[in-house]
Every structure is written in structure tokens, then in C-alpha cells.
Amino acid sequence: AIKSSAPKNTSLSVSLSEPSDDEIRVRAYFISERRIQLALPGDSDRDWIEARRQLVEEAKRNAS
């Protein structure tokens, strides 16, 4: 039998810290809605970055 030398659980650790585009999109939507309601400065790019940052942080907290 041929054994794989690839490390196991690699995709699991990546998926725990890297949210999907759909997850980021939904979070960014709510961030932008709040930003608009409160007349805060910013744009959709910053909303996306903040959404991704929040989701990565939440995944790290939940993993430990």
C-alpha cells in the first residue's frame, strides 16, 4: 500500500481560521448597515476587512 506523506488535519486548521467568502459577505453587510445608520466613515472594502478580522478572531477563540 502507498502511504501519503501529507500531514493530516491541514484543511481543518485552515478552515477554522479562514472564514468562507459567504460568511465574510454576510458579516460585512451587517457592518455596513450599522456604519450607514450611525453615519460612520468607511467603505465596503473596510467593511470586508473588518468582517474577516472579526470572524478569524471568533474562530480562534472558539478553537481554544
PDB file of N, CA and C in Angstrom:
ATOM      1  N   ALA A   1       0.836  -1.180   0.000  1.00  0.00           N
ATOM      2  CA  ALA A   1       0.000   0.000   0.000  1.00  0.00           C
ATOM      3  C   ALA A   1       0.883   1.247   0.000  1.00  0.00           C
ATOM      4  N   ILE A   2       0.395   2.298  -0.666  1.00  0.00           N
ATOM      5  CA  ILE A   2       1.113   3.565  -0.726  1.00  0.00           C
ATOM      6  C   ILE A   2       0.615   4.451   0.397  1.00  0.00           C
ATOM      7  N   LYS A   3       1.543   4.997   1.157  1.00  0.00           N
ATOM      8  CA  LYS A   3       1.177   5.893   2.253  1.00  0.00           C
ATOM      9  C   LYS A   3       1.392   7.331   1.823  1.00  0.00           C
ATOM     10  N   SER A   4       0.460   8.159   2.180  1.00  0.00           N
ATOM     11  CA  SER A   4       0.569   9.579   1.874  1.00  0.00           C
ATOM     12  C   SER A   4       1.454  10.253   2.909  1.00  0.00           C
ATOM     13  N   SER A   5       2.331  11.124   2.445  1.00  0.00           N
ATOM     14  CA  SER A   5       3.191  11.842   3.379  1.00  0.00           C
ATOM     15  C   SER A   5       2.609  13.206   3.755  1.00  0.00           C
ATOM     16  N   ALA A   6       1.437  13.531   3.212  1.00  0.00           N
ATOM     17  CA  ALA A   6       0.805  14.814   3.510  1.00  0.00           C
ATOM     18  C   ALA A   6       0.315  14.820   4.949  1.00  0.00           C
ATOM     19  N   PRO A   7       0.520  15.914   5.665  1.00  0.00           N
ATOM     20  CA  PRO A   7       0.047  15.978   7.060  1.00  0.00           C
ATOM     21  C   PRO A   7      -1.473  15.965   7.102  1.00  0.00           C
ATOM     22  N   LYS A   8      -1.990  15.286   8.094  1.00  0.00           N
ATOM     23  CA  LYS A   8      -3.443  15.228   8.272  1.00  0.00           C
ATOM     24  C   LYS A   8      -3.917  16.468   9.001  1.00  0.00           C
ATOM     25  N   ASN A   9      -5.202  16.760   8.871  1.00  0.00           N
ATOM     26  CA  ASN A   9      -5.851  17.896   9.537  1.00  0.00           C
ATOM     27  C   ASN A   9      -5.396  19.260   9.032  1.00  0.00           C
ATOM     28  N   THR A  10      -4.683  19.311   7.934  1.00  0.00           N
ATOM     29  CA  THR A  10      -4.256  20.600   7.396  1.00  0.00           C
ATOM     30  C   THR A  10      -5.456  21.426   6.979  1.00  0.00           C
ATOM     31  N   SER A  11      -6.398  20.832   6.258  1.00  0.00           N
ATOM     32  CA  SER A  11      -7.565  21.584   5.809  1.00  0.00           C
ATOM     33  C   SER A  11      -8.442  21.990   6.986  1.00  0.00           C
ATOM     34  N   LEU A  12      -8.462  21.189   8.031  1.00  0.00           N
ATOM     35  CA  LEU A  12      -9.250  21.530   9.204  1.00  0.00           C
ATOM     36  C   LEU A  12      -8.715  22.782   9.870  1.00  0.00           C
ATOM     37  N   SER A  13      -7.400  22.866  10.047  1.00  0.00           N
ATOM     38  CA  SER A  13      -6.848  24.042  10.705  1.00  0.00           C
ATOM     39  C   SER A  13      -7.018  25.288   9.850  1.00  0.00           C
ATOM     40  N   VAL A  14      -6.960  25.150   8.545  1.00  0.00           N
ATOM     41  CA  VAL A  14      -7.176  26.298   7.672  1.00  0.00           C
ATOM     42  C   VAL A  14      -8.623  26.747   7.748  1.00  0.00           C
ATOM     43  N   SER A  15      -9.569  25.810   7.729  1.00  0.00           N
ATOM     44  CA  SER A  15     -10.975  26.185   7.747  1.00  0.00           C
ATOM     45  C   SER A  15     -11.381  26.801   9.087  1.00  0.00           C
ATOM     46  N   LEU A  16     -10.686  26.449  10.163  1.00  0.00           N
ATOM     47  CA  LEU A  16     -11.016  27.036  11.459  1.00  0.00           C
ATOM     48  C   LEU A  16     -10.624  28.502  11.530  1.00  0.00           C
ATOM     49  N   SER A  17      -9.539  28.870  10.868  1.00  0.00           N
ATOM     50  CA  SER A  17      -9.086  30.245  10.978  1.00  0.00           C
ATOM     51  C   SER A  17      -9.464  31.101   9.776  1.00  0.00           C
ATOM     52  N   GLU A  18      -9.863  30.501   8.684  1.00  0.00           N
ATOM     53  CA  GLU A  18     -10.170  31.258   7.468  1.00  0.00           C
ATOM     54  C   GLU A  18     -11.656  31.110   7.122  1.00  0.00           C
ATOM     55  N   PRO A  19     -12.442  32.154   7.351  1.00  0.00           N
ATOM     56  CA  PRO A  19     -13.879  32.076   7.046  1.00  0.00           C
ATOM     57  C   PRO A  19     -14.134  32.047   5.541  1.00  0.00           C
ATOM     58  N   SER A  20     -15.277  31.531   5.162  1.00  0.00           N
ATOM     59  CA  SER A  20     -15.645  31.487   3.743  1.00  0.00           C
ATOM     60  C   SER A  20     -16.042  32.887   3.276  1.00  0.00           C
ATOM     61  N   ASP A  21     -16.017  33.067   1.965  1.00  0.00           N
ATOM     62  CA  ASP A  21     -16.436  34.354   1.401  1.00  0.00           C
ATOM     63  C   ASP A  21     -17.877  34.668   1.771  1.00  0.00           C
ATOM     64  N   ASP A  22     -18.731  33.651   1.809  1.00  0.00           N
ATOM     65  CA  ASP A  22     -20.135  33.882   2.164  1.00  0.00           C
ATOM     66  C   ASP A  22     -20.269  34.369   3.606  1.00  0.00           C
ATOM     67  N   GLU A  23     -19.498  33.778   4.526  1.00  0.00           N
ATOM     68  CA  GLU A  23     -19.540  34.226   5.917  1.00  0.00           C
ATOM     69  C   GLU A  23     -19.070  35.675   6.030  1.00  0.00           C
ATOM     70  N   ILE A  24     -17.992  35.992   5.317  1.00  0.00           N
ATOM     71  CA  ILE A  24     -17.475  37.366   5.346  1.00  0.00           C
ATOM     72  C   ILE A  24     -18.490  38.323   4.741  1.00  0.00           C
ATOM     73  N   ARG A  25     -19.110  37.921   3.644  1.00  0.00           N
ATOM     74  CA  ARG A  25     -20.077  38.782   2.951  1.00  0.00           C
ATOM     75  C   ARG A  25     -21.250  39.147   3.863  1.00  0.00           C
ATOM     76  N   VAL A  26     -21.775  38.169   4.575  1.00  0.00           N
ATOM     77  CA  VAL A  26     -22.915  38.415   5.467  1.00  0.00           C
ATOM     78  C   VAL A  26     -22.501  39.346   6.607  1.00  0.00           C
ATOM     79  N   ARG A  27     -21.340  39.071   7.215  1.00  0.00           N
ATOM     80  CA  ARG A  27     -20.881  39.921   8.312  1.00  0.00           C
ATOM     81  C   ARG A  27     -20.607  41.340   7.813  1.00  0.00           C
ATOM     82  N   ALA A  28     -19.991  41.465   6.644  1.00  0.00           N
ATOM     83  CA  ALA A  28     -19.691  42.790   6.087  1.00  0.00           C
ATOM     84  C   ALA A  28     -20.975  43.565   5.808  1.00  0.00           C
ATOM     85  N   TYR A  29     -22.017  42.867   5.384  1.00  0.00           N
ATOM     86  CA  TYR A  29     -23.305  43.521   5.147  1.00  0.00           C
ATOM     87  C   TYR A  29     -23.809  44.192   6.426  1.00  0.00           C
ATOM     88  N   PHE A  30     -23.783  43.438   7.530  1.00  0.00           N
ATOM     89  CA  PHE A  30     -24.279  43.989   8.790  1.00  0.00           C
ATOM     90  C   PHE A  30     -23.380  45.107   9.311  1.00  0.00           C
ATOM     91  N   ILE A  31     -22.091  44.989   9.097  1.00  0.00           N
ATOM     92  CA  ILE A  31     -21.173  46.067   9.477  1.00  0.00           C
ATOM     93  C   ILE A  31     -21.500  47.324   8.678  1.00  0.00           C
ATOM     94  N   SER A  32     -21.737  47.161   7.383  1.00  0.00           N
ATOM     95  CA  SER A  32     -22.031  48.330   6.546  1.00  0.00           C
ATOM     96  C   SER A  32     -23.371  48.953   6.920  1.00  0.00           C
ATOM     97  N   GLU A  33     -24.369  48.139   7.241  1.00  0.00           N
ATOM     98  CA  GLU A  33     -25.666  48.667   7.666  1.00  0.00           C
ATOM     99  C   GLU A  33     -25.517  49.518   8.925  1.00  0.00           C
ATOM    100  N   ARG A  34     -24.762  49.020   9.883  1.00  0.00           N
ATOM    101  CA  ARG A  34     -24.542  49.771  11.128  1.00  0.00           C
ATOM    102  C   ARG A  34     -23.770  51.058  10.841  1.00  0.00           C
ATOM    103  N   ARG A  35     -22.737  50.956  10.007  1.00  0.00           N
ATOM    104  CA  ARG A  35     -21.919  52.120   9.663  1.00  0.00           C
ATOM    105  C   ARG A  35     -22.771  53.204   9.015  1.00  0.00           C
ATOM    106  N   ILE A  36     -23.652  52.801   8.117  1.00  0.00           N
ATOM    107  CA  ILE A  36     -24.520  53.769   7.424  1.00  0.00           C
ATOM    108  C   ILE A  36     -25.515  54.394   8.396  1.00  0.00           C
ATOM    109  N   GLN A  37     -26.131  53.571   9.252  1.00  0.00           N
ATOM    110  CA  GLN A  37     -27.110  54.091  10.214  1.00  0.00           C
ATOM    111  C   GLN A  37     -26.484  55.089  11.175  1.00  0.00           C
ATOM    112  N   LEU A  38     -25.246  54.851  11.550  1.00  0.00           N
ATOM    113  CA  LEU A  38     -24.574  55.730  12.505  1.00  0.00           C
ATOM    114  C   LEU A  38     -23.756  56.825  11.820  1.00  0.00           C
ATOM    115  N   ALA A  39     -23.816  56.865  10.503  1.00  0.00           N
ATOM    116  CA  ALA A  39     -23.085  57.858   9.703  1.00  0.00           C
ATOM    117  C   ALA A  39     -21.589  57.847  10.019  1.00  0.00           C
ATOM    118  N   LEU A  40     -21.031  56.632  10.145  1.00  0.00           N
ATOM    119  CA  LEU A  40     -19.611  56.480  10.414  1.00  0.00           C
ATOM    120  C   LEU A  40     -18.825  56.482   9.103  1.00  0.00           C
ATOM    121  N   PRO A  41     -17.571  56.913   9.137  1.00  0.00           N
ATOM    122  CA  PRO A  41     -16.767  56.875   7.919  1.00  0.00           C
ATOM    123  C   PRO A  41     -16.395  55.440   7.561  1.00  0.00           C
ATOM    124  N   GLY A  42     -16.119  55.214   6.299  1.00  0.00           N
ATOM    125  CA  GLY A  42     -15.708  53.893   5.855  1.00  0.00           C
ATOM    126  C   GLY A  42     -16.252  53.573   4.485  1.00  0.00           C
ATOM    127  N   ASP A  43     -15.941  52.371   4.032  1.00  0.00           N
ATOM    128  CA  ASP A  43     -16.421  51.911   2.727  1.00  0.00           C
ATOM    129  C   ASP A  43     -16.530  50.391   2.744  1.00  0.00           C
ATOM    130  N   SER A  44     -16.979  49.836   1.641  1.00  0.00           N
ATOM    131  CA  SER A  44     -17.215  48.394   1.585  1.00  0.00           C
ATOM    132  C   SER A  44     -15.932  47.577   1.736  1.00  0.00           C
ATOM    133  N   ASP A  45     -14.811  48.104   1.257  1.00  0.00           N
ATOM    134  CA  ASP A  45     -13.545  47.384   1.420  1.00  0.00           C
ATOM    135  C   ASP A  45     -13.174  47.260   2.893  1.00  0.00           C
ATOM    136  N   ARG A  46     -13.323  48.345   3.618  1.00  0.00           N
ATOM    137  CA  ARG A  46     -13.023  48.312   5.055  1.00  0.00           C
ATOM    138  C   ARG A  46     -14.007  47.418   5.802  1.00  0.00           C
ATOM    139  N   ASP A  47     -15.263  47.407   5.361  1.00  0.00           N
ATOM    140  CA  ASP A  47     -16.265  46.529   5.974  1.00  0.00           C
ATOM    141  C   ASP A  47     -15.855  45.066   5.789  1.00  0.00           C
ATOM    142  N   TRP A  48     -15.384  44.728   4.597  1.00  0.00           N
ATOM    143  CA  TRP A  48     -14.963  43.348   4.286  1.00  0.00           C
ATOM    144  C   TRP A  48     -13.781  42.958   5.176  1.00  0.00           C
ATOM    145  N   ILE A  49     -12.801  43.840   5.274  1.00  0.00           N
ATOM    146  CA  ILE A  49     -11.615  43.555   6.078  1.00  0.00           C
ATOM    147  C   ILE A  49     -11.989  43.380   7.545  1.00  0.00           C
ATOM    148  N   GLU A  50     -12.851  44.241   8.049  1.00  0.00           N
ATOM    149  CA  GLU A  50     -13.287  44.142   9.442  1.00  0.00           C
ATOM    150  C   GLU A  50     -14.096  42.869   9.681  1.00  0.00           C
ATOM    151  N   ALA A  51     -14.944  42.511   8.735  1.00  0.00           N
ATOM    152  CA  ALA A  51     -15.740  41.289   8.864  1.00  0.00           C
ATOM    153  C   ALA A  51     -14.834  40.064   8.935  1.00  0.00           C
ATOM    154  N   ARG A  52     -13.851  40.008   8.059  1.00  0.00           N
ATOM    155  CA  ARG A  52     -12.912  38.881   8.051  1.00  0.00           C
ATOM    156  C   ARG A  52     -12.139  38.831   9.365  1.00  0.00           C
ATOM    157  N   ARG A  53     -11.674  39.994   9.839  1.00  0.00           N
ATOM    158  CA  ARG A  53     -10.921  40.052  11.093  1.00  0.00           C
ATOM    159  C   ARG A  53     -11.756  39.523  12.257  1.00  0.00           C
ATOM    160  N   GLN A  54     -13.013  39.961  12.325  1.00  0.00           N
ATOM    161  CA  GLN A  54     -13.890  39.510  13.401  1.00  0.00           C
ATOM    162  C   GLN A  54     -14.104  38.002  13.358  1.00  0.00           C
ATOM    163  N   LEU A  55     -14.355  37.472  12.172  1.00  0.00           N
ATOM    164  CA  LEU A  55     -14.624  36.044  12.043  1.00  0.00           C
ATOM    165  C   LEU A  55     -13.393  35.195  12.371  1.00  0.00           C
ATOM    166  N   VAL A  56     -12.222  35.654  11.970  1.00  0.00           N
ATOM    167  CA  VAL A  56     -10.987  34.927  12.301  1.00  0.00           C
ATOM    168  C   VAL A  56     -10.778  34.928  13.815  1.00  0.00           C
ATOM    169  N   GLU A  57     -10.980  36.075  14.450  1.00  0.00           N
ATOM    170  CA  GLU A  57     -10.841  36.165  15.905  1.00  0.00           C
ATOM    171  C   GLU A  57     -11.829  35.247  16.612  1.00  0.00           C
ATOM    172  N   GLU A  58     -13.074  35.226  16.146  1.00  0.00           N
ATOM    173  CA  GLU A  58     -14.078  34.353  16.763  1.00  0.00           C
ATOM    174  C   GLU A  58     -13.694  32.887  16.603  1.00  0.00           C
ATOM    175  N   ALA A  59     -13.187  32.514  15.452  1.00  0.00           N
ATOM    176  CA  ALA A  59     -12.776  31.126  15.214  1.00  0.00           C
ATOM    177  C   ALA A  59     -11.622  30.745  16.137  1.00  0.00           C
ATOM    178  N   LYS A  60     -10.693  31.662  16.341  1.00  0.00           N
ATOM    179  CA  LYS A  60      -9.558  31.382  17.245  1.00  0.00           C
ATOM    180  C   LYS A  60     -10.045  31.196  18.672  1.00  0.00           C
ATOM    181  N   ARG A  61     -10.962  32.062  19.111  1.00  0.00           N
ATOM    182  CA  ARG A  61     -11.489  31.940  20.483  1.00  0.00           C
ATOM    183  C   ARG A  61     -12.242  30.631  20.667  1.00  0.00           C
ATOM    184  N   ASN A  62     -13.024  30.255  19.664  1.00  0.00           N
ATOM    185  CA  ASN A  62     -13.832  29.044  19.769  1.00  0.00           C
ATOM    186  C   ASN A  62     -12.985  27.776  19.660  1.00  0.00           C
ATOM    187  N   ALA A  63     -11.822  27.867  19.034  1.00  0.00           N
ATOM    188  CA  ALA A  63     -10.947  26.699  18.862  1.00  0.00           C
ATOM    189  C   ALA A  63     -10.172  26.383  20.131  1.00  0.00           C
ATOM    190  N   SER A  64      -9.998  27.362  20.983  1.00  0.00           N
ATOM    191  CA  SER A  64      -9.192  27.119  22.192  1.00  0.00           C
ATOM    192  C   SER A  64     -10.022  26.811  23.397  1.00  0.00           C
TER     193      SER A  64
END
